[in-house]
C-alpha atoms as a PDB file:
ATOM      1  CA  MET A   1     -14.567 -37.990 -87.118  1.00  0.00           C
ATOM      2  CA  ILE A   2     -16.861 -37.313 -84.145  1.00  0.00           C
ATOM      3  CA  LYS A   3     -15.660 -38.428 -80.740  1.00  0.00           C
ATOM      4  CA  ASN A   4     -18.233 -39.614 -78.272  1.00  0.00           C
ATOM      5  CA  ASN A   5     -16.978 -38.277 -74.946  1.00  0.00           C
ATOM      6  CA  ASN A   6     -19.490 -39.698 -72.417  1.00  0.00           C
ATOM      7  CA  LYS A   7     -18.451 -38.840 -68.896  1.00  0.00           C
ATOM      8  CA  GLY A   8     -20.426 -39.839 -65.835  1.00  0.00           C
ATOM      9  CA  PHE A   9     -21.566 -42.878 -63.951  1.00  0.00           C
ATOM     10  CA  THR A  10     -23.514 -45.808 -65.258  1.00  0.00           C
ATOM     11  CA  LEU A  11     -26.718 -46.931 -63.601  1.00  0.00           C
ATOM     12  CA  ILE A  12     -24.998 -50.026 -62.227  1.00  0.00           C
ATOM     13  CA  GLU A  13     -22.245 -47.945 -60.602  1.00  0.00           C
ATOM     14  CA  LEU A  14     -24.838 -45.694 -58.936  1.00  0.00           C
ATOM     15  CA  LEU A  15     -26.814 -48.694 -57.669  1.00  0.00           C
ATOM     16  CA  VAL A  16     -23.670 -50.239 -56.158  1.00  0.00           C
ATOM     17  CA  VAL A  17     -22.865 -46.980 -54.335  1.00  0.00           C
ATOM     18  CA  VAL A  18     -26.448 -46.682 -53.026  1.00  0.00           C
ATOM     19  CA  LEU A  19     -26.336 -50.317 -51.872  1.00  0.00           C
ATOM     20  CA  ILE A  20     -23.060 -49.776 -50.007  1.00  0.00           C
ATOM     21  CA  LEU A  21     -24.427 -46.622 -48.340  1.00  0.00           C
ATOM     22  CA  GLY A  22     -27.577 -48.511 -47.332  1.00  0.00           C
ATOM     23  CA  ILE A  23     -25.569 -51.306 -45.726  1.00  0.00           C
ATOM     24  CA  LEU A  24     -23.404 -48.820 -43.820  1.00  0.00           C
ATOM     25  CA  ALA A  25     -26.480 -46.912 -42.633  1.00  0.00           C
ATOM     26  CA  ALA A  26     -28.191 -50.132 -41.487  1.00  0.00           C
ATOM     27  CA  MET A  27     -25.156 -50.964 -39.359  1.00  0.00           C
ATOM     28  CA  ALA A  28     -24.696 -47.454 -37.965  1.00  0.00           C
ATOM     29  CA  MET A  29     -28.306 -46.530 -37.098  1.00  0.00           C
ATOM     30  CA  PRO A  30     -28.746 -48.938 -34.139  1.00  0.00           C
ATOM     31  CA  GLN A  31     -25.519 -47.623 -32.604  1.00  0.00           C
ATOM     32  CA  TYR A  32     -26.705 -44.062 -33.127  1.00  0.00           C
ATOM     33  CA  PHE A  33     -30.057 -44.761 -31.426  1.00  0.00           C
ATOM     34  CA  LYS A  34     -28.262 -46.490 -28.549  1.00  0.00           C
ATOM     35  CA  ALA A  35     -25.963 -43.483 -28.102  1.00  0.00           C
ATOM     36  CA  VAL A  36     -28.977 -41.148 -28.035  1.00  0.00           C
ATOM     37  CA  GLU A  37     -30.666 -43.333 -25.413  1.00  0.00           C
ATOM     38  CA  ARG A  38     -27.478 -43.435 -23.306  1.00  0.00           C
ATOM     39  CA  SER A  39     -27.522 -39.624 -23.384  1.00  0.00           C
ATOM     40  CA  ARG A  40     -31.138 -39.627 -22.131  1.00  0.00           C
ATOM     41  CA  MET A  41     -30.182 -42.140 -19.451  1.00  0.00           C
ATOM     42  CA  SER A  42     -27.285 -39.926 -18.291  1.00  0.00           C
ATOM     43  CA  GLU A  43     -29.716 -37.024 -17.946  1.00  0.00           C
ATOM     44  CA  ALA A  44     -32.011 -39.179 -15.778  1.00  0.00           C
ATOM     45  CA  VAL A  45     -29.105 -40.387 -13.599  1.00  0.00           C
ATOM     46  CA  SER A  46     -28.023 -36.781 -13.042  1.00  0.00           C
ATOM     47  CA  LEU A  47     -31.595 -35.783 -12.138  1.00  0.00           C
ATOM     48  CA  LEU A  48     -31.887 -38.697  -9.681  1.00  0.00           C
ATOM     49  CA  SER A  49     -28.608 -37.625  -8.093  1.00  0.00           C
ATOM     50  CA  SER A  50     -29.876 -34.049  -7.620  1.00  0.00           C
ATOM     51  CA  ILE A  51     -33.135 -35.323  -6.134  1.00  0.00           C
ATOM     52  CA  SER A  52     -31.235 -37.661  -3.802  1.00  0.00           C
ATOM     53  CA  GLN A  53     -29.063 -34.814  -2.506  1.00  0.00           C
ATOM     54  CA  ALA A  54     -32.102 -32.553  -2.039  1.00  0.00           C
ATOM     55  CA  GLN A  55     -33.926 -35.320  -0.181  1.00  0.00           C
ATOM     56  CA  GLN A  56     -30.936 -35.849   2.130  1.00  0.00           C
ATOM     57  CA  ARG A  57     -30.976 -32.134   2.977  1.00  0.00           C
ATOM     58  CA  LYS A  58     -34.738 -32.336   3.556  1.00  0.00           C
ATOM     59  CA  TYR A  59     -34.259 -35.300   5.896  1.00  0.00           C
ATOM     60  CA  LEU A  60     -31.703 -33.334   7.914  1.00  0.00           C
ATOM     61  CA  GLN A  61     -34.195 -30.460   8.259  1.00  0.00           C
ATOM     62  CA  ILE A  62     -37.406 -32.281   9.186  1.00  0.00           C
ATOM     63  CA  ASN A  63     -36.373 -35.920   9.813  1.00  0.00           C
ATOM     64  CA  LYS A  64     -38.354 -37.259   6.841  1.00  0.00           C
ATOM     65  CA  TYR A  65     -38.323 -37.119   3.056  1.00  0.00           C
ATOM     66  CA  ALA A  66     -40.550 -34.956   0.893  1.00  0.00           C
ATOM     67  CA  THR A  67     -43.311 -36.703  -1.072  1.00  0.00           C
ATOM     68  CA  ASP A  68     -44.023 -33.628  -3.204  1.00  0.00           C
ATOM     69  CA  TYR A  69     -41.563 -31.825  -5.467  1.00  0.00           C
ATOM     70  CA  ARG A  70     -42.626 -28.511  -3.952  1.00  0.00           C
ATOM     71  CA  GLY A  71     -40.977 -29.646  -0.694  1.00  0.00           C
ATOM     72  CA  LEU A  72     -37.525 -29.871  -2.286  1.00  0.00           C
ATOM     73  CA  ASP A  73     -35.066 -27.002  -2.565  1.00  0.00           C
ATOM     74  CA  VAL A  74     -34.147 -27.993  -6.162  1.00  0.00           C
ATOM     75  CA  ALA A  75     -37.606 -28.752  -7.539  1.00  0.00           C
ATOM     76  CA  PRO A  76     -37.802 -28.641 -11.346  1.00  0.00           C
ATOM     77  CA  ALA A  77     -39.765 -25.673 -12.710  1.00  0.00           C
ATOM     78  CA  GLY A  78     -43.504 -26.316 -12.628  1.00  0.00           C
ATOM     79  CA  ALA A  79     -43.240 -29.652 -10.799  1.00  0.00           C
ATOM     80  CA  THR A  80     -46.089 -30.378  -8.385  1.00  0.00           C
ATOM     81  CA  GLY A  81     -47.041 -33.594  -6.657  1.00  0.00           C
ATOM     82  CA  ALA A  82     -44.946 -36.747  -6.580  1.00  0.00           C
ATOM     83  CA  VAL A  83     -44.363 -37.146 -10.350  1.00  0.00           C
ATOM     84  CA  TYR A  84     -42.374 -34.915 -12.694  1.00  0.00           C
ATOM     85  CA  TYR A  85     -42.032 -35.464 -16.462  1.00  0.00           C
ATOM     86  CA  THR A  86     -38.801 -34.398 -18.121  1.00  0.00           C
ATOM     87  CA  LYS A  87     -40.363 -33.882 -21.573  1.00  0.00           C
ATOM     88  CA  GLY A  88     -43.770 -32.671 -22.663  1.00  0.00           C
ATOM     89  CA  THR A  89     -46.213 -31.342 -20.078  1.00  0.00           C
ATOM     90  CA  VAL A  90     -44.451 -31.265 -16.697  1.00  0.00           C
ATOM     91  CA  THR A  91     -47.405 -32.696 -14.757  1.00  0.00           C
ATOM     92  CA  THR A  92     -48.813 -35.238 -17.269  1.00  0.00           C
ATOM     93  CA  GLY A  93     -46.014 -35.980 -19.733  1.00  0.00           C
ATOM     94  CA  ALA A  94     -48.402 -35.441 -22.641  1.00  0.00           C
ATOM     95  CA  GLY A  95     -46.548 -34.893 -25.896  1.00  0.00           C
ATOM     96  CA  GLY A  96     -43.195 -35.826 -24.406  1.00  0.00           C
ATOM     97  CA  ASN A  97     -40.570 -38.489 -24.932  1.00  0.00           C
ATOM     98  CA  GLY A  98     -38.527 -38.592 -21.743  1.00  0.00           C
ATOM     99  CA  PHE A  99     -38.839 -39.820 -18.161  1.00  0.00           C
ATOM    100  CA  GLY A 100     -41.502 -39.781 -15.491  1.00  0.00           C
ATOM    101  CA  VAL A 101     -39.632 -39.253 -12.218  1.00  0.00           C
ATOM    102  CA  THR A 102     -41.608 -40.373  -9.161  1.00  0.00           C
ATOM    103  CA  LEU A 103     -40.799 -39.716  -5.496  1.00  0.00           C
ATOM    104  CA  SER A 104     -41.556 -42.653  -3.191  1.00  0.00           C
ATOM    105  CA  GLY A 105     -44.483 -42.104  -0.867  1.00  0.00           C
ATOM    106  CA  ALA A 106     -44.334 -45.040   1.537  1.00  0.00           C
ATOM    107  CA  ASP A 107     -42.178 -45.042   4.666  1.00  0.00           C
ATOM    108  CA  VAL A 108     -40.937 -41.517   4.044  1.00  0.00           C
ATOM    109  CA  ASN A 109     -39.866 -41.325   7.683  1.00  0.00           C
ATOM    110  CA  ALA A 110     -37.405 -44.215   7.351  1.00  0.00           C
ATOM    111  CA  TYR A 111     -33.977 -42.984   6.273  1.00  0.00           C
ATOM    112  CA  THR A 112     -33.032 -46.085   4.261  1.00  0.00           C
ATOM    113  CA  THR A 113     -36.316 -46.704   2.413  1.00  0.00           C
ATOM    114  CA  GLY A 114     -36.910 -43.479   0.480  1.00  0.00           C
ATOM    115  CA  PHE A 115     -36.185 -43.606  -3.260  1.00  0.00           C
ATOM    116  CA  ALA A 116     -36.973 -42.009  -6.603  1.00  0.00           C
ATOM    117  CA  THR A 117     -37.782 -43.848  -9.823  1.00  0.00           C
ATOM    118  CA  ALA A 118     -37.179 -42.524 -13.353  1.00  0.00           C
ATOM    119  CA  THR A 119     -39.283 -44.510 -15.851  1.00  0.00           C
ATOM    120  CA  ARG A 120     -38.705 -44.151 -19.605  1.00  0.00           C
ATOM    121  CA  GLU A 121     -41.979 -42.930 -21.077  1.00  0.00           C
ATOM    122  CA  ALA A 122     -43.509 -41.583 -24.253  1.00  0.00           C
ATOM    123  CA  GLY A 123     -46.454 -39.222 -23.928  1.00  0.00           C
ATOM    124  CA  GLY A 124     -46.794 -39.943 -20.206  1.00  0.00           C
ATOM    125  CA  VAL A 125     -47.236 -43.689 -20.848  1.00  0.00           C
ATOM    126  CA  PRO A 126     -44.684 -45.930 -19.069  1.00  0.00           C
ATOM    127  CA  THR A 127     -43.080 -48.679 -21.136  1.00  0.00           C
ATOM    128  CA  ASP A 128     -45.024 -47.572 -24.196  1.00  0.00           C
ATOM    129  CA  ALA A 129     -45.003 -50.258 -26.879  1.00  0.00           C
ATOM    130  CA  GLY A 130     -43.586 -47.676 -29.294  1.00  0.00           C
ATOM    131  CA  LEU A 131     -40.422 -47.248 -27.218  1.00  0.00           C
ATOM    132  CA  ASN A 132     -37.386 -49.095 -28.511  1.00  0.00           C
ATOM    133  CA  TYR A 133     -35.722 -49.003 -25.069  1.00  0.00           C
ATOM    134  CA  GLN A 134     -37.989 -49.798 -22.109  1.00  0.00           C
ATOM    135  CA  TYR A 135     -36.424 -49.463 -18.661  1.00  0.00           C
ATOM    136  CA  ASN A 136     -36.448 -47.561 -15.386  1.00  0.00           C
ATOM    137  CA  LEU A 137     -33.806 -46.318 -12.959  1.00  0.00           C
ATOM    138  CA  VAL A 138     -34.189 -46.462  -9.173  1.00  0.00           C
ATOM    139  CA  ARG A 139     -32.031 -44.598  -6.669  1.00  0.00           C
ATOM    140  CA  TYR A 140     -32.357 -44.683  -2.895  1.00  0.00           C
ATOM    141  CA  TYR A 141     -31.871 -41.241  -1.368  1.00  0.00           C
ATOM    142  CA  ALA A 142     -29.338 -42.560   1.144  1.00  0.00           C
ATOM    143  CA  SER A 143     -27.224 -44.308  -1.505  1.00  0.00           C
ATOM    144  CA  ASP A 144     -24.909 -43.416  -4.368  1.00  0.00           C
ATOM    145  CA  LEU A 145     -25.925 -46.490  -6.382  1.00  0.00           C
ATOM    146  CA  THR A 146     -28.559 -46.713  -9.119  1.00  0.00           C
ATOM    147  CA  THR A 147     -30.524 -49.809 -10.147  1.00  0.00           C
ATOM    148  CA  CYS A 148     -31.436 -50.230 -13.820  1.00  0.00           C
ATOM    149  CA  ASN A 149     -34.449 -52.421 -14.628  1.00  0.00           C
ATOM    150  CA  GLY A 150     -34.872 -53.376 -18.294  1.00  0.00           C
ATOM    151  CA  THR A 151     -38.344 -54.490 -19.388  1.00  0.00           C
ATOM    152  CA  ASN A 152     -37.618 -55.433 -23.023  1.00  0.00           C
ATOM    153  CA  ALA A 153     -34.557 -56.885 -24.786  1.00  0.00           C
ATOM    154  CA  ASN A 154     -33.142 -53.485 -25.787  1.00  0.00           C
ATOM    155  CA  GLY A 155     -33.785 -52.082 -22.302  1.00  0.00           C
ATOM    156  CA  LYS A 156     -31.962 -55.028 -20.711  1.00  0.00           C
ATOM    157  CA  ALA A 157     -28.994 -54.598 -23.084  1.00  0.00           C
ATOM    158  CA  LEU A 158     -28.839 -50.874 -22.304  1.00  0.00           C
ATOM    159  CA  CYS A 159     -28.961 -51.614 -18.560  1.00  0.00           C
ATOM    160  CA  ALA A 160     -26.113 -54.122 -18.970  1.00  0.00           C
ATOM    161  CA  ASP A 161     -24.006 -51.389 -20.612  1.00  0.00           C
ATOM    162  CA  PHE A 162     -24.951 -48.945 -17.844  1.00  0.00           C
ATOM    163  CA  CYS A 163     -23.992 -51.418 -15.095  1.00  0.00           C
ATOM    164  CA  GLY A 164     -20.841 -52.626 -16.848  1.00  0.00           C
ATOM    165  CA  ILE A 165     -21.884 -56.279 -17.068  1.00  0.00           C
ATOM    166  CA  ASP A 166     -21.635 -58.609 -20.062  1.00  0.00           C
ATOM    167  CA  THR A 167     -24.945 -60.482 -19.914  1.00  0.00           C
ATOM    168  CA  PRO A 168     -28.191 -58.515 -20.196  1.00  0.00           C
ATOM    169  CA  THR A 169     -30.449 -59.123 -17.216  1.00  0.00           C
ATOM    170  CA  GLY A 170     -33.723 -57.726 -15.908  1.00  0.00           C
ATOM    171  CA  SER A 171     -32.086 -55.752 -13.081  1.00  0.00           C
ATOM    172  CA  CYS A 172     -28.539 -54.679 -12.361  1.00  0.00           C
ATOM    173  CA  CYS A 173     -26.715 -52.222 -10.111  1.00  0.00           C
ATOM    174  CA  SER A 174     -24.366 -49.409 -11.110  1.00  0.00           C
ATOM    175  CA  ASP A 175     -21.676 -51.028  -8.928  1.00  0.00           C
ATOM    176  CA  GLY A 176     -21.313 -53.795 -11.545  1.00  0.00           C
ATOM    177  CA  SER A 177     -23.473 -56.489  -9.945  1.00  0.00           C
ATOM    178  CA  SER A 178     -26.134 -58.293 -11.961  1.00  0.00           C
ATOM    179  CA  SER A 179     -28.884 -57.766  -9.387  1.00  0.00           C
ATOM    180  CA  ALA A 180     -30.741 -54.763  -7.986  1.00  0.00           C
ATOM    181  CA  CYS A 181     -28.753 -52.519  -5.622  1.00  0.00           C
ATOM    182  CA  GLY A 182     -31.125 -52.901  -2.673  1.00  0.00           C
ATOM    183  CA  ALA A 183     -31.856 -50.503   0.146  1.00  0.00           C
ATOM    184  CA  PRO A 184     -28.850 -48.948   1.899  1.00  0.00           C
ATOM    185  CA  LYS A 185     -27.998 -50.094   5.405  1.00  0.00           C
ATOM    186  CA  THR A 186     -27.847 -47.907   8.479  1.00  0.00           C
ATOM    187  CA  GLY A 187     -24.811 -47.899  10.762  1.00  0.00           C
ATOM    188  CA  ASN A 188     -26.528 -50.361  13.145  1.00  0.00           C
ATOM    189  CA  GLU A 189     -27.357 -52.821  10.349  1.00  0.00           C
ATOM    190  CA  THR A 190     -23.768 -52.632   9.067  1.00  0.00           C
ATOM    191  CA  ALA A 191     -22.359 -53.393  12.533  1.00  0.00           C
ATOM    192  CA  ALA A 192     -24.772 -56.312  12.992  1.00  0.00           C
ATOM    193  CA  ALA A 193     -23.694 -57.761   9.635  1.00  0.00           C
ATOM    194  CA  GLY A 194     -20.053 -57.743  10.705  1.00  0.00           C
ATOM    195  CA  GLY A 195     -19.138 -54.511   8.915  1.00  0.00           C
ATOM    196  CA  LYS A 196     -20.060 -55.831   5.447  1.00  0.00           C
END
């Protein structure tokens, strides 16, 4: 008598396992991409903080902000002009997938109006249609707060997470408010507003 000892999986069993893995992957991938984007955002926030501190030191030295990265004591390697790209070519962003960080050029003499903007870009193109998360971060040099501006649904949701608010909105502030942070006030403006 010959025994038929077939060990292994049937085609149906393999298909069920593949289906289950596919469902799990479909649920996990968006969270993975969001975590990667939050990591990129943290890098941009840290860069804006360094620029803000360098600009405050520059203001103490010459009573105005620098409009060119070469004027800062912590300029990124190879940065020239008012725009620096974190990925790809430093001066054009070509071939990169990071941020274009721009120093403000207007009213550089006014202490409360200088700011830097980090815009999410791909290949040097802001809010590229191929980007899943479209947003920018704005930080005034004289402030510790950062505004997040989302320009598509995913960008708005990411900004809401960054600001700690429940409802995605176009702009929010890192202090938890669902509006842009706004320019910082000087001591005289604070006194005139009743210390608020």
